Amino acid sequence: MSYNETFAIRLKKLRTAKGISQFQLGEMLGLKLTTISSYEIGKSQPTMENLIKLAEYFGVSLDFLMCRDSDTKTITDKEIPEELKALGIDAIKINQLSSSELQQELTDLVGYAEKIKNILKKLGK
């Protein structure tokens, strides 16, 4: 499968998983319906600026969109607890981390949670 075909399939899957139309995606990113359509049928490729817009909107890495990474697991904002969102953590930030960076961040978060739990226990709450 060519890069164009793989990119087109990935983009369409990301868009349909969000439940939005090509028109809606174009509106959100400031692109024309025909542009999104041509990406999805493999007729044209996005500029770097538009690749960045797409990656940020869908919360995926540029490597994934550019077919350099086959890891399709991405985290959506719906999967992030409100407590983490309150700390400024969102899907875009998480998905831009490498696996080892993500593992370290999660380890740190567990450590912080344990500290808070111990403090609350001492306070009798």
PDB file of N, CA and C in Angstrom:
ATOM      1  N   MET A   1       0.854  -1.178   0.000  1.00  0.00           N
ATOM      2  CA  MET A   1       0.000   0.000   0.000  1.00  0.00           C
ATOM      3  C   MET A   1       0.902   1.245   0.000  1.00  0.00           C
ATOM      4  N   SER A   2       0.565   2.212  -0.834  1.00  0.00           N
ATOM      5  CA  SER A   2       1.378   3.418  -0.953  1.00  0.00           C
ATOM      6  C   SER A   2       1.128   4.361   0.226  1.00  0.00           C
ATOM      7  N   TYR A   3       2.032   5.321   0.360  1.00  0.00           N
ATOM      8  CA  TYR A   3       1.887   6.341   1.403  1.00  0.00           C
ATOM      9  C   TYR A   3       0.557   7.074   1.243  1.00  0.00           C
ATOM     10  N   ASN A   4       0.236   7.472  -0.001  1.00  0.00           N
ATOM     11  CA  ASN A   4      -1.017   8.205  -0.244  1.00  0.00           C
ATOM     12  C   ASN A   4      -2.238   7.417   0.203  1.00  0.00           C
ATOM     13  N   GLU A   5      -2.245   6.127  -0.112  1.00  0.00           N
ATOM     14  CA  GLU A   5      -3.378   5.286   0.265  1.00  0.00           C
ATOM     15  C   GLU A   5      -3.473   5.137   1.777  1.00  0.00           C
ATOM     16  N   THR A   6      -2.328   4.903   2.425  1.00  0.00           N
ATOM     17  CA  THR A   6      -2.310   4.736   3.882  1.00  0.00           C
ATOM     18  C   THR A   6      -2.737   6.014   4.584  1.00  0.00           C
ATOM     19  N   PHE A   7      -2.211   7.153   4.138  1.00  0.00           N
ATOM     20  CA  PHE A   7      -2.593   8.433   4.733  1.00  0.00           C
ATOM     21  C   PHE A   7      -4.093   8.659   4.568  1.00  0.00           C
ATOM     22  N   ALA A   8      -4.603   8.413   3.371  1.00  0.00           N
ATOM     23  CA  ALA A   8      -6.026   8.628   3.090  1.00  0.00           C
ATOM     24  C   ALA A   8      -6.904   7.783   4.017  1.00  0.00           C
ATOM     25  N   ILE A   9      -6.532   6.528   4.204  1.00  0.00           N
ATOM     26  CA  ILE A   9      -7.292   5.624   5.068  1.00  0.00           C
ATOM     27  C   ILE A   9      -7.240   6.098   6.516  1.00  0.00           C
ATOM     28  N   ARG A  10      -6.053   6.476   6.976  1.00  0.00           N
ATOM     29  CA  ARG A  10      -5.915   6.941   8.359  1.00  0.00           C
ATOM     30  C   ARG A  10      -6.741   8.193   8.616  1.00  0.00           C
ATOM     31  N   LEU A  11      -6.678   9.135   7.694  1.00  0.00           N
ATOM     32  CA  LEU A  11      -7.425  10.373   7.874  1.00  0.00           C
ATOM     33  C   LEU A  11      -8.925  10.093   7.932  1.00  0.00           C
ATOM     34  N   LYS A  12      -9.412   9.272   7.028  1.00  0.00           N
ATOM     35  CA  LYS A  12     -10.842   8.969   7.015  1.00  0.00           C
ATOM     36  C   LYS A  12     -11.262   8.258   8.303  1.00  0.00           C
ATOM     37  N   LYS A  13     -10.433   7.312   8.785  1.00  0.00           N
ATOM     38  CA  LYS A  13     -10.764   6.606  10.028  1.00  0.00           C
ATOM     39  C   LYS A  13     -10.805   7.571  11.205  1.00  0.00           C
ATOM     40  N   LEU A  14      -9.847   8.476  11.273  1.00  0.00           N
ATOM     41  CA  LEU A  14      -9.828   9.455  12.366  1.00  0.00           C
ATOM     42  C   LEU A  14     -11.072  10.339  12.322  1.00  0.00           C
ATOM     43  N   ARG A  15     -11.412  10.790  11.124  1.00  0.00           N
ATOM     44  CA  ARG A  15     -12.571  11.678  10.975  1.00  0.00           C
ATOM     45  C   ARG A  15     -13.866  10.959  11.325  1.00  0.00           C
ATOM     46  N   THR A  16     -14.049   9.753  10.806  1.00  0.00           N
ATOM     47  CA  THR A  16     -15.296   9.039  11.073  1.00  0.00           C
ATOM     48  C   THR A  16     -15.393   8.607  12.539  1.00  0.00           C
ATOM     49  N   ALA A  17     -14.253   8.337  13.169  1.00  0.00           N
ATOM     50  CA  ALA A  17     -14.267   7.994  14.599  1.00  0.00           C
ATOM     51  C   ALA A  17     -14.761   9.170  15.439  1.00  0.00           C
ATOM     52  N   LYS A  18     -14.519  10.385  14.961  1.00  0.00           N
ATOM     53  CA  LYS A  18     -15.004  11.580  15.660  1.00  0.00           C
ATOM     54  C   LYS A  18     -16.466  11.866  15.326  1.00  0.00           C
ATOM     55  N   GLY A  19     -16.970  11.169  14.303  1.00  0.00           N
ATOM     56  CA  GLY A  19     -18.366  11.356  13.916  1.00  0.00           C
ATOM     57  C   GLY A  19     -18.634  12.673  13.216  1.00  0.00           C
ATOM     58  N   ILE A  20     -17.666  13.163  12.468  1.00  0.00           N
ATOM     59  CA  ILE A  20     -17.847  14.437  11.768  1.00  0.00           C
ATOM     60  C   ILE A  20     -17.728  14.225  10.255  1.00  0.00           C
ATOM     61  N   SER A  21     -18.305  15.135   9.522  1.00  0.00           N
ATOM     62  CA  SER A  21     -18.256  15.066   8.060  1.00  0.00           C
ATOM     63  C   SER A  21     -16.981  15.732   7.549  1.00  0.00           C
ATOM     64  N   GLN A  22     -16.711  15.518   6.279  1.00  0.00           N
ATOM     65  CA  GLN A  22     -15.579  16.198   5.651  1.00  0.00           C
ATOM     66  C   GLN A  22     -15.780  17.706   5.725  1.00  0.00           C
ATOM     67  N   PHE A  23     -17.000  18.146   5.511  1.00  0.00           N
ATOM     68  CA  PHE A  23     -17.310  19.572   5.572  1.00  0.00           C
ATOM     69  C   PHE A  23     -17.012  20.131   6.958  1.00  0.00           C
ATOM     70  N   GLN A  24     -17.461  19.408   8.003  1.00  0.00           N
ATOM     71  CA  GLN A  24     -17.239  19.871   9.373  1.00  0.00           C
ATOM     72  C   GLN A  24     -15.747  19.944   9.702  1.00  0.00           C
ATOM     73  N   LEU A  25     -14.991  18.933   9.280  1.00  0.00           N
ATOM     74  CA  LEU A  25     -13.550  18.948   9.530  1.00  0.00           C
ATOM     75  C   LEU A  25     -12.906  20.141   8.833  1.00  0.00           C
ATOM     76  N   GLY A  26     -13.294  20.367   7.592  1.00  0.00           N
ATOM     77  CA  GLY A  26     -12.757  21.509   6.861  1.00  0.00           C
ATOM     78  C   GLY A  26     -13.074  22.821   7.554  1.00  0.00           C
ATOM     79  N   GLU A  27     -14.304  22.958   8.020  1.00  0.00           N
ATOM     80  CA  GLU A  27     -14.711  24.174   8.737  1.00  0.00           C
ATOM     81  C   GLU A  27     -13.858  24.401   9.981  1.00  0.00           C
ATOM     82  N   MET A  28     -13.641  23.340  10.745  1.00  0.00           N
ATOM     83  CA  MET A  28     -12.876  23.459  11.991  1.00  0.00           C
ATOM     84  C   MET A  28     -11.416  23.821  11.744  1.00  0.00           C
ATOM     85  N   LEU A  29     -10.886  23.369  10.616  1.00  0.00           N
ATOM     86  CA  LEU A  29      -9.467  23.596  10.337  1.00  0.00           C
ATOM     87  C   LEU A  29      -9.222  24.723   9.342  1.00  0.00           C
ATOM     88  N   GLY A  30     -10.289  25.334   8.859  1.00  0.00           N
ATOM     89  CA  GLY A  30     -10.135  26.411   7.892  1.00  0.00           C
ATOM     90  C   GLY A  30      -9.755  25.907   6.508  1.00  0.00           C
ATOM     91  N   LEU A  31     -10.254  24.715   6.162  1.00  0.00           N
ATOM     92  CA  LEU A  31      -9.960  24.112   4.862  1.00  0.00           C
ATOM     93  C   LEU A  31     -11.263  23.875   4.112  1.00  0.00           C
ATOM     94  N   LYS A  32     -11.167  23.764   2.802  1.00  0.00           N
ATOM     95  CA  LYS A  32     -12.348  23.519   1.985  1.00  0.00           C
ATOM     96  C   LYS A  32     -12.721  22.037   2.014  1.00  0.00           C
ATOM     97  N   LEU A  33     -13.992  21.764   1.808  1.00  0.00           N
ATOM     98  CA  LEU A  33     -14.485  20.395   1.707  1.00  0.00           C
ATOM     99  C   LEU A  33     -13.713  19.632   0.629  1.00  0.00           C
ATOM    100  N   THR A  34     -13.478  20.285  -0.498  1.00  0.00           N
ATOM    101  CA  THR A  34     -12.764  19.613  -1.598  1.00  0.00           C
ATOM    102  C   THR A  34     -11.338  19.238  -1.203  1.00  0.00           C
ATOM    103  N   THR A  35     -10.736  20.029  -0.331  1.00  0.00           N
ATOM    104  CA  THR A  35      -9.378  19.725   0.140  1.00  0.00           C
ATOM    105  C   THR A  35      -9.394  18.462   0.983  1.00  0.00           C
ATOM    106  N   ILE A  36     -10.316  18.392   1.947  1.00  0.00           N
ATOM    107  CA  ILE A  36     -10.421  17.205   2.802  1.00  0.00           C
ATOM    108  C   ILE A  36     -10.744  15.982   1.950  1.00  0.00           C
ATOM    109  N   SER A  37     -11.660  16.133   1.022  1.00  0.00           N
ATOM    110  CA  SER A  37     -12.034  15.031   0.144  1.00  0.00           C
ATOM    111  C   SER A  37     -10.839  14.537  -0.667  1.00  0.00           C
ATOM    112  N   SER A  38     -10.056  15.456  -1.201  1.00  0.00           N
ATOM    113  CA  SER A  38      -8.904  15.041  -2.013  1.00  0.00           C
ATOM    114  C   SER A  38      -7.838  14.348  -1.160  1.00  0.00           C
ATOM    115  N   TYR A  39      -7.735  14.727   0.111  1.00  0.00           N
ATOM    116  CA  TYR A  39      -6.816  14.014   1.016  1.00  0.00           C
ATOM    117  C   TYR A  39      -7.303  12.580   1.217  1.00  0.00           C
ATOM    118  N   GLU A  40      -8.610  12.441   1.440  1.00  0.00           N
ATOM    119  CA  GLU A  40      -9.172  11.129   1.775  1.00  0.00           C
ATOM    120  C   GLU A  40      -9.231  10.151   0.596  1.00  0.00           C
ATOM    121  N   ILE A  41      -9.190  10.660  -0.606  1.00  0.00           N
ATOM    122  CA  ILE A  41      -9.165   9.741  -1.752  1.00  0.00           C
ATOM    123  C   ILE A  41      -7.744   9.568  -2.297  1.00  0.00           C
ATOM    124  N   GLY A  42      -6.778  10.207  -1.636  1.00  0.00           N
ATOM    125  CA  GLY A  42      -5.387  10.052  -2.034  1.00  0.00           C
ATOM    126  C   GLY A  42      -4.992  10.862  -3.253  1.00  0.00           C
ATOM    127  N   LYS A  43      -5.817  11.824  -3.604  1.00  0.00           N
ATOM    128  CA  LYS A  43      -5.546  12.655  -4.778  1.00  0.00           C
ATOM    129  C   LYS A  43      -4.480  13.704  -4.495  1.00  0.00           C
ATOM    130  N   SER A  44      -4.441  14.205  -3.256  1.00  0.00           N
ATOM    131  CA  SER A  44      -3.427  15.194  -2.885  1.00  0.00           C
ATOM    132  C   SER A  44      -2.988  14.971  -1.444  1.00  0.00           C
ATOM    133  N   GLN A  45      -1.889  15.592  -1.101  1.00  0.00           N
ATOM    134  CA  GLN A  45      -1.330  15.483   0.242  1.00  0.00           C
ATOM    135  C   GLN A  45      -1.331  16.848   0.917  1.00  0.00           C
ATOM    136  N   PRO A  46      -1.525  16.874   2.224  1.00  0.00           N
ATOM    137  CA  PRO A  46      -1.545  18.165   2.920  1.00  0.00           C
ATOM    138  C   PRO A  46      -0.149  18.779   3.034  1.00  0.00           C
ATOM    139  N   THR A  47      -0.137  20.090   3.134  1.00  0.00           N
ATOM    140  CA  THR A  47       1.106  20.796   3.428  1.00  0.00           C
ATOM    141  C   THR A  47       1.503  20.480   4.869  1.00  0.00           C
ATOM    142  N   MET A  48       2.710  20.828   5.248  1.00  0.00           N
ATOM    143  CA  MET A  48       3.140  20.604   6.633  1.00  0.00           C
ATOM    144  C   MET A  48       2.231  21.364   7.596  1.00  0.00           C
ATOM    145  N   GLU A  49       1.850  22.567   7.237  1.00  0.00           N
ATOM    146  CA  GLU A  49       0.955  23.362   8.083  1.00  0.00           C
ATOM    147  C   GLU A  49      -0.372  22.630   8.316  1.00  0.00           C
ATOM    148  N   ASN A  50      -0.917  22.050   7.248  1.00  0.00           N
ATOM    149  CA  ASN A  50      -2.182  21.334   7.388  1.00  0.00           C
ATOM    150  C   ASN A  50      -2.006  19.996   8.094  1.00  0.00           C
ATOM    151  N   LEU A  51      -0.860  19.340   7.912  1.00  0.00           N
ATOM    152  CA  LEU A  51      -0.578  18.113   8.670  1.00  0.00           C
ATOM    153  C   LEU A  51      -0.578  18.410  10.162  1.00  0.00           C
ATOM    154  N   ILE A  52       0.033  19.518  10.539  1.00  0.00           N
ATOM    155  CA  ILE A  52       0.082  19.909  11.954  1.00  0.00           C
ATOM    156  C   ILE A  52      -1.330  20.176  12.474  1.00  0.00           C
ATOM    157  N   LYS A  53      -2.128  20.878  11.690  1.00  0.00           N
ATOM    158  CA  LYS A  53      -3.528  21.139  12.093  1.00  0.00           C
ATOM    159  C   LYS A  53      -4.274  19.827  12.318  1.00  0.00           C
ATOM    160  N   LEU A  54      -4.108  18.894  11.379  1.00  0.00           N
ATOM    161  CA  LEU A  54      -4.793  17.602  11.487  1.00  0.00           C
ATOM    162  C   LEU A  54      -4.317  16.834  12.715  1.00  0.00           C
ATOM    163  N   ALA A  55      -3.002  16.774  12.930  1.00  0.00           N
ATOM    164  CA  ALA A  55      -2.447  16.046  14.076  1.00  0.00           C
ATOM    165  C   ALA A  55      -2.949  16.630  15.386  1.00  0.00           C
ATOM    166  N   GLU A  56      -2.946  17.943  15.486  1.00  0.00           N
ATOM    167  CA  GLU A  56      -3.419  18.591  16.717  1.00  0.00           C
ATOM    168  C   GLU A  56      -4.913  18.351  16.926  1.00  0.00           C
ATOM    169  N   TYR A  57      -5.681  18.476  15.871  1.00  0.00           N
ATOM    170  CA  TYR A  57      -7.118  18.279  16.006  1.00  0.00           C
ATOM    171  C   TYR A  57      -7.448  16.854  16.451  1.00  0.00           C
ATOM    172  N   PHE A  58      -6.813  15.871  15.835  1.00  0.00           N
ATOM    173  CA  PHE A  58      -7.116  14.477  16.154  1.00  0.00           C
ATOM    174  C   PHE A  58      -6.319  13.943  17.335  1.00  0.00           C
ATOM    175  N   GLY A  59      -5.347  14.695  17.821  1.00  0.00           N
ATOM    176  CA  GLY A  59      -4.553  14.245  18.964  1.00  0.00           C
ATOM    177  C   GLY A  59      -3.654  13.071  18.625  1.00  0.00           C
ATOM    178  N   VAL A  60      -3.091  13.081  17.428  1.00  0.00           N
ATOM    179  CA  VAL A  60      -2.166  12.033  17.002  1.00  0.00           C
ATOM    180  C   VAL A  60      -0.832  12.664  16.643  1.00  0.00           C
ATOM    181  N   SER A  61       0.184  11.835  16.533  1.00  0.00           N
ATOM    182  CA  SER A  61       1.503  12.347  16.179  1.00  0.00           C
ATOM    183  C   SER A  61       1.607  12.588  14.678  1.00  0.00           C
ATOM    184  N   LEU A  62       2.531  13.452  14.306  1.00  0.00           N
ATOM    185  CA  LEU A  62       2.810  13.649  12.881  1.00  0.00           C
ATOM    186  C   LEU A  62       3.337  12.361  12.274  1.00  0.00           C
ATOM    187  N   ASP A  63       4.136  11.615  13.034  1.00  0.00           N
ATOM    188  CA  ASP A  63       4.649  10.339  12.534  1.00  0.00           C
ATOM    189  C   ASP A  63       3.509   9.401  12.164  1.00  0.00           C
ATOM    190  N   PHE A  64       2.471   9.380  12.966  1.00  0.00           N
ATOM    191  CA  PHE A  64       1.330   8.528  12.652  1.00  0.00           C
ATOM    192  C   PHE A  64       0.652   8.997  11.369  1.00  0.00           C
ATOM    193  N   LEU A  65       0.384  10.292  11.283  1.00  0.00           N
ATOM    194  CA  LEU A  65      -0.286  10.814  10.087  1.00  0.00           C
ATOM    195  C   LEU A  65       0.555  10.630   8.833  1.00  0.00           C
ATOM    196  N   MET A  66       1.869  10.753   8.980  1.00  0.00           N
ATOM    197  CA  MET A  66       2.759  10.641   7.823  1.00  0.00           C
ATOM    198  C   MET A  66       3.153   9.194   7.555  1.00  0.00           C
ATOM    199  N   CYS A  67       2.480   8.280   8.253  1.00  0.00           N
ATOM    200  CA  CYS A  67       2.654   6.835   8.041  1.00  0.00           C
ATOM    201  C   CYS A  67       4.052   6.344   8.405  1.00  0.00           C
ATOM    202  N   ARG A  68       4.688   7.017   9.349  1.00  0.00           N
ATOM    203  CA  ARG A  68       5.998   6.590   9.819  1.00  0.00           C
ATOM    204  C   ARG A  68       5.870   5.787  11.109  1.00  0.00           C
ATOM    205  N   ASP A  69       4.681   5.741  11.661  1.00  0.00           N
ATOM    206  CA  ASP A  69       4.425   5.053  12.913  1.00  0.00           C
ATOM    207  C   ASP A  69       3.098   4.319  12.755  1.00  0.00           C
ATOM    208  N   SER A  70       3.087   3.034  13.054  1.00  0.00           N
ATOM    209  CA  SER A  70       1.852   2.271  12.876  1.00  0.00           C
ATOM    210  C   SER A  70       1.033   2.181  14.150  1.00  0.00           C
ATOM    211  N   ASP A  71       1.500   2.816  15.218  1.00  0.00           N
ATOM    212  CA  ASP A  71       0.767   2.770  16.482  1.00  0.00           C
ATOM    213  C   ASP A  71      -0.517   3.572  16.344  1.00  0.00           C
ATOM    214  N   THR A  72      -1.619   2.860  16.263  1.00  0.00           N
ATOM    215  CA  THR A  72      -2.893   3.537  16.077  1.00  0.00           C
ATOM    216  C   THR A  72      -3.543   3.932  17.398  1.00  0.00           C
ATOM    217  N   LYS A  73      -2.977   3.521  18.514  1.00  0.00           N
ATOM    218  CA  LYS A  73      -3.581   3.865  19.794  1.00  0.00           C
ATOM    219  C   LYS A  73      -3.292   5.314  20.118  1.00  0.00           C
ATOM    220  N   THR A  74      -4.323   6.073  20.149  1.00  0.00           N
ATOM    221  CA  THR A  74      -4.214   7.452  20.573  1.00  0.00           C
ATOM    222  C   THR A  74      -5.213   7.657  21.697  1.00  0.00           C
ATOM    223  N   ILE A  75      -4.941   8.628  22.486  1.00  0.00           N
ATOM    224  CA  ILE A  75      -5.810   8.947  23.615  1.00  0.00           C
ATOM    225  C   ILE A  75      -6.647  10.162  23.226  1.00  0.00           C
ATOM    226  N   THR A  76      -7.909  10.091  23.501  1.00  0.00           N
ATOM    227  CA  THR A  76      -8.787  11.223  23.210  1.00  0.00           C
ATOM    228  C   THR A  76      -9.028  12.009  24.492  1.00  0.00           C
ATOM    229  N   ASP A  77      -9.488  13.243  24.338  1.00  0.00           N
ATOM    230  CA  ASP A  77      -9.776  14.069  25.510  1.00  0.00           C
ATOM    231  C   ASP A  77     -10.844  13.439  26.397  1.00  0.00           C
ATOM    232  N   LYS A  78     -11.751  12.666  25.808  1.00  0.00           N
ATOM    233  CA  LYS A  78     -12.801  12.007  26.592  1.00  0.00           C
ATOM    234  C   LYS A  78     -12.218  10.991  27.571  1.00  0.00           C
ATOM    235  N   GLU A  79     -11.043  10.427  27.241  1.00  0.00           N
ATOM    236  CA  GLU A  79     -10.430   9.404  28.080  1.00  0.00           C
ATOM    237  C   GLU A  79      -9.580   9.994  29.207  1.00  0.00           C
ATOM    238  N   ILE A  80      -9.387  11.291  29.207  1.00  0.00           N
ATOM    239  CA  ILE A  80      -8.542  11.927  30.209  1.00  0.00           C
ATOM    240  C   ILE A  80      -9.410  12.409  31.369  1.00  0.00           C
ATOM    241  N   PRO A  81      -9.073  11.993  32.589  1.00  0.00           N
ATOM    242  CA  PRO A  81      -9.866  12.427  33.748  1.00  0.00           C
ATOM    243  C   PRO A  81      -9.872  13.957  33.885  1.00  0.00           C
ATOM    244  N   GLU A  82     -10.974  14.476  34.389  1.00  0.00           N
ATOM    245  CA  GLU A  82     -11.122  15.926  34.569  1.00  0.00           C
ATOM    246  C   GLU A  82     -10.009  16.505  35.443  1.00  0.00           C
ATOM    247  N   GLU A  83      -9.537  15.709  36.422  1.00  0.00           N
ATOM    248  CA  GLU A  83      -8.466  16.180  37.310  1.00  0.00           C
ATOM    249  C   GLU A  83      -7.191  16.482  36.520  1.00  0.00           C
ATOM    250  N   LEU A  84      -6.909  15.669  35.518  1.00  0.00           N
ATOM    251  CA  LEU A  84      -5.717  15.900  34.698  1.00  0.00           C
ATOM    252  C   LEU A  84      -5.939  17.080  33.749  1.00  0.00           C
ATOM    253  N   LYS A  85      -7.144  17.204  33.240  1.00  0.00           N
ATOM    254  CA  LYS A  85      -7.450  18.344  32.375  1.00  0.00           C
ATOM    255  C   LYS A  85      -7.266  19.648  33.139  1.00  0.00           C
ATOM    256  N   ALA A  86      -7.653  19.629  34.424  1.00  0.00           N
ATOM    257  CA  ALA A  86      -7.513  20.820  35.261  1.00  0.00           C
ATOM    258  C   ALA A  86      -6.044  21.219  35.437  1.00  0.00           C
ATOM    259  N   LEU A  87      -5.152  20.250  35.271  1.00  0.00           N
ATOM    260  CA  LEU A  87      -3.714  20.511  35.369  1.00  0.00           C
ATOM    261  C   LEU A  87      -3.112  20.899  34.021  1.00  0.00           C
ATOM    262  N   GLY A  88      -3.960  21.024  33.008  1.00  0.00           N
ATOM    263  CA  GLY A  88      -3.476  21.417  31.682  1.00  0.00           C
ATOM    264  C   GLY A  88      -3.002  20.262  30.825  1.00  0.00           C
ATOM    265  N   ILE A  89      -3.377  19.049  31.197  1.00  0.00           N
ATOM    266  CA  ILE A  89      -2.981  17.872  30.436  1.00  0.00           C
ATOM    267  C   ILE A  89      -4.106  17.522  29.472  1.00  0.00           C
ATOM    268  N   ASP A  90      -3.777  17.441  28.192  1.00  0.00           N
ATOM    269  CA  ASP A  90      -4.792  17.087  27.206  1.00  0.00           C
ATOM    270  C   ASP A  90      -4.266  15.998  26.281  1.00  0.00           C
ATOM    271  N   ALA A  91      -5.129  15.519  25.403  1.00  0.00           N
ATOM    272  CA  ALA A  91      -4.780  14.409  24.513  1.00  0.00           C
ATOM    273  C   ALA A  91      -3.617  14.754  23.597  1.00  0.00           C
ATOM    274  N   ILE A  92      -3.576  15.988  23.124  1.00  0.00           N
ATOM    275  CA  ILE A  92      -2.491  16.381  22.221  1.00  0.00           C
ATOM    276  C   ILE A  92      -1.151  16.233  22.914  1.00  0.00           C
ATOM    277  N   LYS A  93      -1.048  16.718  24.139  1.00  0.00           N
ATOM    278  CA  LYS A  93       0.213  16.621  24.877  1.00  0.00           C
ATOM    279  C   LYS A  93       0.601  15.172  25.135  1.00  0.00           C
ATOM    280  N   ILE A  94      -0.362  14.355  25.519  1.00  0.00           N
ATOM    281  CA  ILE A  94      -0.073  12.957  25.815  1.00  0.00           C
ATOM    282  C   ILE A  94       0.354  12.207  24.560  1.00  0.00           C
ATOM    283  N   ASN A  95      -0.349  12.413  23.459  1.00  0.00           N
ATOM    284  CA  ASN A  95      -0.044  11.681  22.231  1.00  0.00           C
ATOM    285  C   ASN A  95       1.271  12.099  21.599  1.00  0.00           C
ATOM    286  N   GLN A  96       1.808  13.245  21.984  1.00  0.00           N
ATOM    287  CA  GLN A  96       3.086  13.680  21.441  1.00  0.00           C
ATOM    288  C   GLN A  96       4.272  13.068  22.198  1.00  0.00           C
ATOM    289  N   LEU A  97       3.987  12.423  23.323  1.00  0.00           N
ATOM    290  CA  LEU A  97       5.050  11.789  24.095  1.00  0.00           C
ATOM    291  C   LEU A  97       5.429  10.446  23.490  1.00  0.00           C
ATOM    292  N   SER A  98       6.699  10.090  23.612  1.00  0.00           N
ATOM    293  CA  SER A  98       7.106   8.748  23.203  1.00  0.00           C
ATOM    294  C   SER A  98       6.629   7.770  24.264  1.00  0.00           C
ATOM    295  N   SER A  99       6.708   6.484  23.985  1.00  0.00           N
ATOM    296  CA  SER A  99       6.256   5.472  24.942  1.00  0.00           C
ATOM    297  C   SER A  99       7.009   5.570  26.257  1.00  0.00           C
ATOM    298  N   SER A 100       8.323   5.753  26.194  1.00  0.00           N
ATOM    299  CA  SER A 100       9.111   5.828  27.434  1.00  0.00           C
ATOM    300  C   SER A 100       8.794   7.106  28.202  1.00  0.00           C
ATOM    301  N   GLU A 101       8.577   8.224  27.480  1.00  0.00           N
ATOM    302  CA  GLU A 101       8.209   9.468  28.155  1.00  0.00           C
ATOM    303  C   GLU A 101       6.847   9.337  28.811  1.00  0.00           C
ATOM    304  N   LEU A 102       5.922   8.702  28.120  1.00  0.00           N
ATOM    305  CA  LEU A 102       4.586   8.502  28.664  1.00  0.00           C
ATOM    306  C   LEU A 102       4.645   7.626  29.907  1.00  0.00           C
ATOM    307  N   GLN A 103       5.437   6.567  29.849  1.00  0.00           N
ATOM    308  CA  GLN A 103       5.589   5.681  31.005  1.00  0.00           C
ATOM    309  C   GLN A 103       6.132   6.451  32.206  1.00  0.00           C
ATOM    310  N   GLN A 104       7.117   7.316  31.969  1.00  0.00           N
ATOM    311  CA  GLN A 104       7.691   8.109  33.066  1.00  0.00           C
ATOM    312  C   GLN A 104       6.665   9.073  33.634  1.00  0.00           C
ATOM    313  N   GLU A 105       5.904   9.734  32.754  1.00  0.00           N
ATOM    314  CA  GLU A 105       4.868  10.658  33.213  1.00  0.00           C
ATOM    315  C   GLU A 105       3.817   9.941  34.055  1.00  0.00           C
ATOM    316  N   LEU A 106       3.404   8.769  33.614  1.00  0.00           N
ATOM    317  CA  LEU A 106       2.406   7.996  34.366  1.00  0.00           C
ATOM    318  C   LEU A 106       2.963   7.556  35.716  1.00  0.00           C
ATOM    319  N   THR A 107       4.228   7.145  35.743  1.00  0.00           N
ATOM    320  CA  THR A 107       4.875   6.762  37.004  1.00  0.00           C
ATOM    321  C   THR A 107       4.899   7.944  37.960  1.00  0.00           C
ATOM    322  N   ASP A 108       5.243   9.124  37.437  1.00  0.00           N
ATOM    323  CA  ASP A 108       5.263  10.335  38.264  1.00  0.00           C
ATOM    324  C   ASP A 108       3.868  10.654  38.801  1.00  0.00           C
ATOM    325  N   LEU A 109       2.852  10.531  37.957  1.00  0.00           N
ATOM    326  CA  LEU A 109       1.484  10.816  38.389  1.00  0.00           C
ATOM    327  C   LEU A 109       1.028   9.867  39.494  1.00  0.00           C
ATOM    328  N   VAL A 110       1.384   8.593  39.357  1.00  0.00           N
ATOM    329  CA  VAL A 110       1.034   7.618  40.395  1.00  0.00           C
ATOM    330  C   VAL A 110       1.720   7.996  41.706  1.00  0.00           C
ATOM    331  N   GLY A 111       2.974   8.420  41.616  1.00  0.00           N
ATOM    332  CA  GLY A 111       3.709   8.850  42.809  1.00  0.00           C
ATOM    333  C   GLY A 111       3.040  10.037  43.483  1.00  0.00           C
ATOM    334  N   TYR A 112       2.631  11.020  42.673  1.00  0.00           N
ATOM    335  CA  TYR A 112       1.946  12.189  43.227  1.00  0.00           C
ATOM    336  C   TYR A 112       0.618  11.794  43.865  1.00  0.00           C
ATOM    337  N   ALA A 113      -0.100  10.904  43.233  1.00  0.00           N
ATOM    338  CA  ALA A 113      -1.379  10.452  43.774  1.00  0.00           C
ATOM    339  C   ALA A 113      -1.182   9.773  45.125  1.00  0.00           C
ATOM    340  N   GLU A 114      -0.134   8.965  45.243  1.00  0.00           N
ATOM    341  CA  GLU A 114       0.169   8.303  46.517  1.00  0.00           C
ATOM    342  C   GLU A 114       0.481   9.319  47.605  1.00  0.00           C
ATOM    343  N   LYS A 115       1.247  10.354  47.265  1.00  0.00           N
ATOM    344  CA  LYS A 115       1.575  11.402  48.236  1.00  0.00           C
ATOM    345  C   LYS A 115       0.316  12.112  48.716  1.00  0.00           C
ATOM    346  N   ILE A 116      -0.565  12.437  47.781  1.00  0.00           N
ATOM    347  CA  ILE A 116      -1.817  13.115  48.140  1.00  0.00           C
ATOM    348  C   ILE A 116      -2.675  12.207  49.012  1.00  0.00           C
ATOM    349  N   LYS A 117      -2.742  10.942  48.658  1.00  0.00           N
ATOM    350  CA  LYS A 117      -3.511   9.971  49.436  1.00  0.00           C
ATOM    351  C   LYS A 117      -2.987   9.905  50.871  1.00  0.00           C
ATOM    352  N   ASN A 118      -1.669   9.876  51.045  1.00  0.00           N
ATOM    353  CA  ASN A 118      -1.067   9.828  52.380  1.00  0.00           C
ATOM    354  C   ASN A 118      -1.344  11.102  53.168  1.00  0.00           C
ATOM    355  N   ILE A 119      -1.294  12.250  52.518  1.00  0.00           N
ATOM    356  CA  ILE A 119      -1.590  13.516  53.191  1.00  0.00           C
ATOM    357  C   ILE A 119      -3.038  13.535  53.662  1.00  0.00           C
ATOM    358  N   LEU A 120      -3.940  13.115  52.788  1.00  0.00           N
ATOM    359  CA  LEU A 120      -5.364  13.085  53.161  1.00  0.00           C
ATOM    360  C   LEU A 120      -5.612  12.109  54.305  1.00  0.00           C
ATOM    361  N   LYS A 121      -4.883  10.987  54.294  1.00  0.00           N
ATOM    362  CA  LYS A 121      -5.035  10.010  55.370  1.00  0.00           C
ATOM    363  C   LYS A 121      -4.608  10.626  56.705  1.00  0.00           C
ATOM    364  N   LYS A 122      -3.503  11.378  56.686  1.00  0.00           N
ATOM    365  CA  LYS A 122      -3.015  12.026  57.911  1.00  0.00           C
ATOM    366  C   LYS A 122      -4.000  13.085  58.402  1.00  0.00           C
ATOM    367  N   LEU A 123      -4.687  13.717  57.467  1.00  0.00           N
ATOM    368  CA  LEU A 123      -5.659  14.732  57.846  1.00  0.00           C
ATOM    369  C   LEU A 123      -6.999  14.121  58.250  1.00  0.00           C
ATOM    370  N   GLY A 124      -7.097  12.815  58.122  1.00  0.00           N
ATOM    371  CA  GLY A 124      -8.329  12.123  58.506  1.00  0.00           C
ATOM    372  C   GLY A 124      -9.447  12.241  57.513  1.00  0.00           C
ATOM    373  N   LYS A 125      -9.105  12.417  56.258  1.00  0.00           N
ATOM    374  CA  LYS A 125     -10.142  12.548  55.223  1.00  0.00           C
ATOM    375  C   LYS A 125     -10.163  11.386  54.311  1.00  0.00           C
TER     376      LYS A 125
END
